[in-house]
PDB file of N, CA and C in Angstrom:
ATOM      1  N   MET A   1     400.160  99.166 122.999  1.00  0.00           N
ATOM      2  CA  MET A   1     399.851 100.123 124.134  1.00  0.00           C
ATOM      3  C   MET A   1     399.442  99.576 125.158  1.00  0.00           C
ATOM      4  N   ASN A   2     400.002  99.776 126.340  1.00  0.00           N
ATOM      5  CA  ASN A   2     399.675  98.951 127.523  1.00  0.00           C
ATOM      6  C   ASN A   2     398.358 100.426 128.343  1.00  0.00           C
ATOM      7  N   ILE A   3     397.404 100.150 128.224  1.00  0.00           N
ATOM      8  CA  ILE A   3     396.305 101.071 128.884  1.00  0.00           C
ATOM      9  C   ILE A   3     396.254 100.700 130.278  1.00  0.00           C
ATOM     10  N   ASP A   4     396.999  99.411 130.696  1.00  0.00           N
ATOM     11  CA  ASP A   4     396.780  99.510 131.977  1.00  0.00           C
ATOM     12  C   ASP A   4     398.034  99.633 133.148  1.00  0.00           C
ATOM     13  N   LYS A   5     398.635 100.489 132.371  1.00  0.00           N
ATOM     14  CA  LYS A   5     399.810 101.062 133.098  1.00  0.00           C
ATOM     15  C   LYS A   5     399.480 102.276 133.882  1.00  0.00           C
ATOM     16  N   LYS A   6     400.016 102.425 135.178  1.00  0.00           N
ATOM     17  CA  LYS A   6     399.622 103.237 136.152  1.00  0.00           C
ATOM     18  C   LYS A   6     400.162 104.733 135.450  1.00  0.00           C
ATOM     19  N   LEU A   7     399.052 105.832 135.782  1.00  0.00           N
ATOM     20  CA  LEU A   7     399.612 107.092 135.203  1.00  0.00           C
ATOM     21  C   LEU A   7     398.859 107.875 136.695  1.00  0.00           C
ATOM     22  N   GLY A   8     399.792 108.338 137.440  1.00  0.00           N
ATOM     23  CA  GLY A   8     399.147 108.819 138.654  1.00  0.00           C
ATOM     24  C   GLY A   8     398.528 108.070 139.857  1.00  0.00           C
ATOM     25  N   PRO A   9     397.445 108.221 140.270  1.00  0.00           N
ATOM     26  CA  PRO A   9     396.842 107.176 141.133  1.00  0.00           C
ATOM     27  C   PRO A   9     395.755 106.374 140.446  1.00  0.00           C
ATOM     28  N   LEU A  10     395.628 106.636 139.400  1.00  0.00           N
ATOM     29  CA  LEU A  10     394.918 105.499 138.394  1.00  0.00           C
ATOM     30  C   LEU A  10     395.348 105.258 137.140  1.00  0.00           C
ATOM     31  N   SER A  11     394.919 103.888 136.638  1.00  0.00           N
ATOM     32  CA  SER A  11     395.319 103.405 135.549  1.00  0.00           C
ATOM     33  C   SER A  11     395.056 104.183 134.261  1.00  0.00           C
ATOM     34  N   LEU A  12     395.506 104.263 133.223  1.00  0.00           N
ATOM     35  CA  LEU A  12     395.139 104.675 131.742  1.00  0.00           C
ATOM     36  C   LEU A  12     393.941 104.428 131.348  1.00  0.00           C
ATOM     37  N   ARG A  13     393.439 103.084 131.566  1.00  0.00           N
ATOM     38  CA  ARG A  13     392.088 102.899 131.556  1.00  0.00           C
ATOM     39  C   ARG A  13     391.027 103.619 132.123  1.00  0.00           C
ATOM     40  N   ILE A  14     391.332 103.664 133.416  1.00  0.00           N
ATOM     41  CA  ILE A  14     390.319 104.464 134.159  1.00  0.00           C
ATOM     42  C   ILE A  14     390.157 105.862 133.808  1.00  0.00           C
ATOM     43  N   TRP A  15     391.504 106.504 133.312  1.00  0.00           N
ATOM     44  CA  TRP A  15     391.300 108.162 132.998  1.00  0.00           C
ATOM     45  C   TRP A  15     390.704 108.145 131.359  1.00  0.00           C
ATOM     46  N   GLY A  16     390.808 106.881 130.736  1.00  0.00           N
ATOM     47  CA  GLY A  16     389.829 106.829 129.592  1.00  0.00           C
ATOM     48  C   GLY A  16     388.728 106.732 129.801  1.00  0.00           C
ATOM     49  N   LEU A  17     388.060 106.181 130.880  1.00  0.00           N
ATOM     50  CA  LEU A  17     386.841 106.242 131.217  1.00  0.00           C
ATOM     51  C   LEU A  17     386.203 107.256 131.516  1.00  0.00           C
ATOM     52  N   ILE A  18     386.928 108.243 132.259  1.00  0.00           N
ATOM     53  CA  ILE A  18     386.565 109.644 132.866  1.00  0.00           C
ATOM     54  C   ILE A  18     386.514 110.321 131.755  1.00  0.00           C
ATOM     55  N   LEU A  19     387.660 110.195 130.726  1.00  0.00           N
ATOM     56  CA  LEU A  19     387.485 110.972 129.448  1.00  0.00           C
ATOM     57  C   LEU A  19     386.095 110.904 128.786  1.00  0.00           C
ATOM     58  N   ASN A  20     385.699 109.426 128.491  1.00  0.00           N
ATOM     59  CA  ASN A  20     384.499 109.067 127.887  1.00  0.00           C
ATOM     60  C   ASN A  20     383.397 109.515 128.591  1.00  0.00           C
ATOM     61  N   PHE A  21     383.385 109.640 129.941  1.00  0.00           N
ATOM     62  CA  PHE A  21     382.290 110.359 130.425  1.00  0.00           C
ATOM     63  C   PHE A  21     382.035 111.835 130.106  1.00  0.00           C
ATOM     64  N   ILE A  22     383.253 112.589 130.062  1.00  0.00           N
ATOM     65  CA  ILE A  22     383.227 113.886 129.868  1.00  0.00           C
ATOM     66  C   ILE A  22     382.868 114.193 128.205  1.00  0.00           C
ATOM     67  N   ALA A  23     383.241 113.343 127.683  1.00  0.00           N
ATOM     68  CA  ALA A  23     382.806 113.355 125.947  1.00  0.00           C
ATOM     69  C   ALA A  23     381.259 113.037 125.870  1.00  0.00           C
ATOM     70  N   ASN A  24     380.708 112.059 126.761  1.00  0.00           N
ATOM     71  CA  ASN A  24     379.333 111.825 126.498  1.00  0.00           C
ATOM     72  C   ASN A  24     378.724 113.155 127.036  1.00  0.00           C
ATOM     73  N   PHE A  25     379.223 113.742 128.054  1.00  0.00           N
ATOM     74  CA  PHE A  25     378.446 115.024 128.355  1.00  0.00           C
ATOM     75  C   PHE A  25     378.407 115.943 127.409  1.00  0.00           C
ATOM     76  N   VAL A  26     379.613 116.064 126.624  1.00  0.00           N
ATOM     77  CA  VAL A  26     379.784 117.519 125.641  1.00  0.00           C
ATOM     78  C   VAL A  26     378.941 116.790 124.298  1.00  0.00           C
ATOM     79  N   ALA A  27     379.013 115.648 124.069  1.00  0.00           N
ATOM     80  CA  ALA A  27     378.108 115.400 123.064  1.00  0.00           C
ATOM     81  C   ALA A  27     376.408 115.594 123.342  1.00  0.00           C
ATOM     82  N   LEU A  28     375.915 115.214 124.434  1.00  0.00           N
ATOM     83  CA  LEU A  28     374.874 115.568 124.771  1.00  0.00           C
ATOM     84  C   LEU A  28     374.579 117.028 125.137  1.00  0.00           C
ATOM     85  N   TYR A  29     375.177 117.841 125.587  1.00  0.00           N
ATOM     86  CA  TYR A  29     375.144 119.337 125.635  1.00  0.00           C
ATOM     87  C   TYR A  29     375.342 119.949 124.260  1.00  0.00           C
ATOM     88  N   GLY A  30     376.014 119.523 123.549  1.00  0.00           N
ATOM     89  CA  GLY A  30     375.906 119.724 121.754  1.00  0.00           C
ATOM     90  C   GLY A  30     374.836 119.581 121.165  1.00  0.00           C
ATOM     91  N   ALA A  31     374.280 118.443 121.569  1.00  0.00           N
ATOM     92  CA  ALA A  31     373.024 117.867 120.945  1.00  0.00           C
ATOM     93  C   ALA A  31     372.002 118.939 121.273  1.00  0.00           C
ATOM     94  N   ALA A  32     371.886 119.185 122.564  1.00  0.00           N
ATOM     95  CA  ALA A  32     370.807 120.000 123.037  1.00  0.00           C
ATOM     96  C   ALA A  32     370.794 121.521 122.693  1.00  0.00           C
ATOM     97  N   GLN A  33     372.120 121.888 122.853  1.00  0.00           N
ATOM     98  CA  GLN A  33     372.154 123.171 122.007  1.00  0.00           C
ATOM     99  C   GLN A  33     372.113 123.304 120.449  1.00  0.00           C
ATOM    100  N   PHE A  34     372.069 122.457 120.021  1.00  0.00           N
ATOM    101  CA  PHE A  34     371.910 122.437 118.597  1.00  0.00           C
ATOM    102  C   PHE A  34     370.480 122.172 118.346  1.00  0.00           C
ATOM    103  N   PHE A  35     369.854 121.482 118.926  1.00  0.00           N
ATOM    104  CA  PHE A  35     368.279 121.074 118.596  1.00  0.00           C
ATOM    105  C   PHE A  35     367.622 122.648 119.126  1.00  0.00           C
ATOM    106  N   LYS A  36     368.053 123.274 120.114  1.00  0.00           N
ATOM    107  CA  LYS A  36     367.511 124.454 120.806  1.00  0.00           C
ATOM    108  C   LYS A  36     367.894 125.495 119.738  1.00  0.00           C
ATOM    109  N   GLY A  37     368.727 125.395 118.697  1.00  0.00           N
ATOM    110  CA  GLY A  37     368.982 126.403 117.949  1.00  0.00           C
ATOM    111  C   GLY A  37     370.099 127.540 118.054  1.00  0.00           C
ATOM    112  N   ASN A  38     370.877 126.982 119.478  1.00  0.00           N
ATOM    113  CA  ASN A  38     371.665 128.053 119.837  1.00  0.00           C
ATOM    114  C   ASN A  38     373.076 127.870 119.123  1.00  0.00           C
ATOM    115  N   THR A  39     373.471 126.734 118.842  1.00  0.00           N
ATOM    116  CA  THR A  39     374.744 126.353 117.931  1.00  0.00           C
ATOM    117  C   THR A  39     374.564 125.552 116.928  1.00  0.00           C
ATOM    118  N   GLY A  40     375.831 125.549 116.289  1.00  0.00           N
ATOM    119  CA  GLY A  40     375.803 124.549 115.405  1.00  0.00           C
ATOM    120  C   GLY A  40     376.262 123.209 115.897  1.00  0.00           C
ATOM    121  N   PRO A  41     376.343 122.228 115.094  1.00  0.00           N
ATOM    122  CA  PRO A  41     376.474 120.624 115.438  1.00  0.00           C
ATOM    123  C   PRO A  41     378.304 120.571 115.845  1.00  0.00           C
ATOM    124  N   GLY A  42     378.846 121.309 115.829  1.00  0.00           N
ATOM    125  CA  GLY A  42     380.277 121.079 116.108  1.00  0.00           C
ATOM    126  C   GLY A  42     380.752 120.491 117.500  1.00  0.00           C
ATOM    127  N   LEU A  43     380.005 121.064 118.471  1.00  0.00           N
ATOM    128  CA  LEU A  43     380.142 120.475 120.041  1.00  0.00           C
ATOM    129  C   LEU A  43     379.496 119.290 120.018  1.00  0.00           C
ATOM    130  N   MET A  44     378.581 118.891 119.108  1.00  0.00           N
ATOM    131  CA  MET A  44     377.959 117.493 119.220  1.00  0.00           C
ATOM    132  C   MET A  44     379.064 116.470 118.568  1.00  0.00           C
ATOM    133  N   ILE A  45     379.301 116.861 117.670  1.00  0.00           N
ATOM    134  CA  ILE A  45     380.252 115.898 116.585  1.00  0.00           C
ATOM    135  C   ILE A  45     381.602 115.853 117.484  1.00  0.00           C
ATOM    136  N   LEU A  46     382.111 116.861 118.116  1.00  0.00           N
ATOM    137  CA  LEU A  46     383.437 116.642 118.650  1.00  0.00           C
ATOM    138  C   LEU A  46     383.053 115.410 119.828  1.00  0.00           C
ATOM    139  N   GLY A  47     382.091 115.668 120.800  1.00  0.00           N
ATOM    140  CA  GLY A  47     381.902 114.827 121.537  1.00  0.00           C
ATOM    141  C   GLY A  47     381.815 113.414 121.066  1.00  0.00           C
ATOM    142  N   ILE A  48     380.888 113.203 120.053  1.00  0.00           N
ATOM    143  CA  ILE A  48     380.749 111.709 119.556  1.00  0.00           C
ATOM    144  C   ILE A  48     382.063 111.269 118.836  1.00  0.00           C
ATOM    145  N   ILE A  49     382.862 112.153 118.259  1.00  0.00           N
ATOM    146  CA  ILE A  49     384.188 111.501 117.795  1.00  0.00           C
ATOM    147  C   ILE A  49     385.130 111.028 118.938  1.00  0.00           C
ATOM    148  N   ILE A  50     385.103 111.893 119.925  1.00  0.00           N
ATOM    149  CA  ILE A  50     385.868 111.537 121.205  1.00  0.00           C
ATOM    150  C   ILE A  50     385.456 110.255 122.062  1.00  0.00           C
ATOM    151  N   THR A  51     384.147 110.161 121.928  1.00  0.00           N
ATOM    152  CA  THR A  51     383.346 108.975 122.481  1.00  0.00           C
ATOM    153  C   THR A  51     383.667 107.721 121.665  1.00  0.00           C
ATOM    154  N   ILE A  52     383.694 107.973 120.320  1.00  0.00           N
ATOM    155  CA  ILE A  52     383.860 106.685 119.493  1.00  0.00           C
ATOM    156  C   ILE A  52     385.580 106.459 119.747  1.00  0.00           C
ATOM    157  N   ALA A  53     386.424 107.279 119.881  1.00  0.00           N
ATOM    158  CA  ALA A  53     387.770 107.069 119.929  1.00  0.00           C
ATOM    159  C   ALA A  53     387.868 106.422 121.226  1.00  0.00           C
ATOM    160  N   CYS A  54     387.429 106.739 122.348  1.00  0.00           N
ATOM    161  CA  CYS A  54     387.605 106.177 123.711  1.00  0.00           C
ATOM    162  C   CYS A  54     386.958 104.732 123.741  1.00  0.00           C
ATOM    163  N   ILE A  55     386.049 104.436 122.940  1.00  0.00           N
ATOM    164  CA  ILE A  55     385.360 103.210 122.901  1.00  0.00           C
ATOM    165  C   ILE A  55     386.147 101.971 122.209  1.00  0.00           C
ATOM    166  N   LEU A  56     386.932 102.659 121.097  1.00  0.00           N
ATOM    167  CA  LEU A  56     387.710 101.813 120.460  1.00  0.00           C
ATOM    168  C   LEU A  56     389.129 101.679 120.947  1.00  0.00           C
ATOM    169  N   ILE A  57     389.575 102.548 121.872  1.00  0.00           N
ATOM    170  CA  ILE A  57     390.837 101.979 122.615  1.00  0.00           C
ATOM    171  C   ILE A  57     390.676 101.382 123.819  1.00  0.00           C
ATOM    172  N   LEU A  58     389.552 101.460 124.290  1.00  0.00           N
ATOM    173  CA  LEU A  58     389.206 100.998 125.892  1.00  0.00           C
ATOM    174  C   LEU A  58     388.622  99.481 125.575  1.00  0.00           C
ATOM    175  N   ALA A  59     388.325  99.096 124.379  1.00  0.00           N
ATOM    176  CA  ALA A  59     388.064  97.647 123.956  1.00  0.00           C
ATOM    177  C   ALA A  59     389.087  96.933 123.890  1.00  0.00           C
ATOM    178  N   ILE A  60     390.247  97.366 123.796  1.00  0.00           N
ATOM    179  CA  ILE A  60     391.534  96.470 123.736  1.00  0.00           C
ATOM    180  C   ILE A  60     391.430  95.509 124.956  1.00  0.00           C
ATOM    181  N   PRO A  61     391.454  94.092 124.887  1.00  0.00           N
ATOM    182  CA  PRO A  61     391.645  93.340 125.894  1.00  0.00           C
ATOM    183  C   PRO A  61     392.873  93.466 126.872  1.00  0.00           C
ATOM    184  N   GLN A  62     392.793  93.216 127.923  1.00  0.00           N
ATOM    185  CA  GLN A  62     393.894  93.178 128.821  1.00  0.00           C
ATOM    186  C   GLN A  62     394.622  91.833 128.556  1.00  0.00           C
ATOM    187  N   LYS A  63     396.166  92.113 128.311  1.00  0.00           N
ATOM    188  CA  LYS A  63     397.049  91.085 128.182  1.00  0.00           C
ATOM    189  C   LYS A  63     397.484  90.010 129.383  1.00  0.00           C
TER     190      LYS A  63
END
């Protein structure tokens, strides 16, 4: 998979970083809501899973 390929104005690697920032926010927001007792851990877990997937995909070195 070539993650340095252009997709619109940015490369896939940059889009992945943007997705990672959003997933980090979702994980932190889910954690805050979970510890306040407003929701279950689902939102936090979803953010963590997406963050880990982004890190694993974006860690592929450039060829």
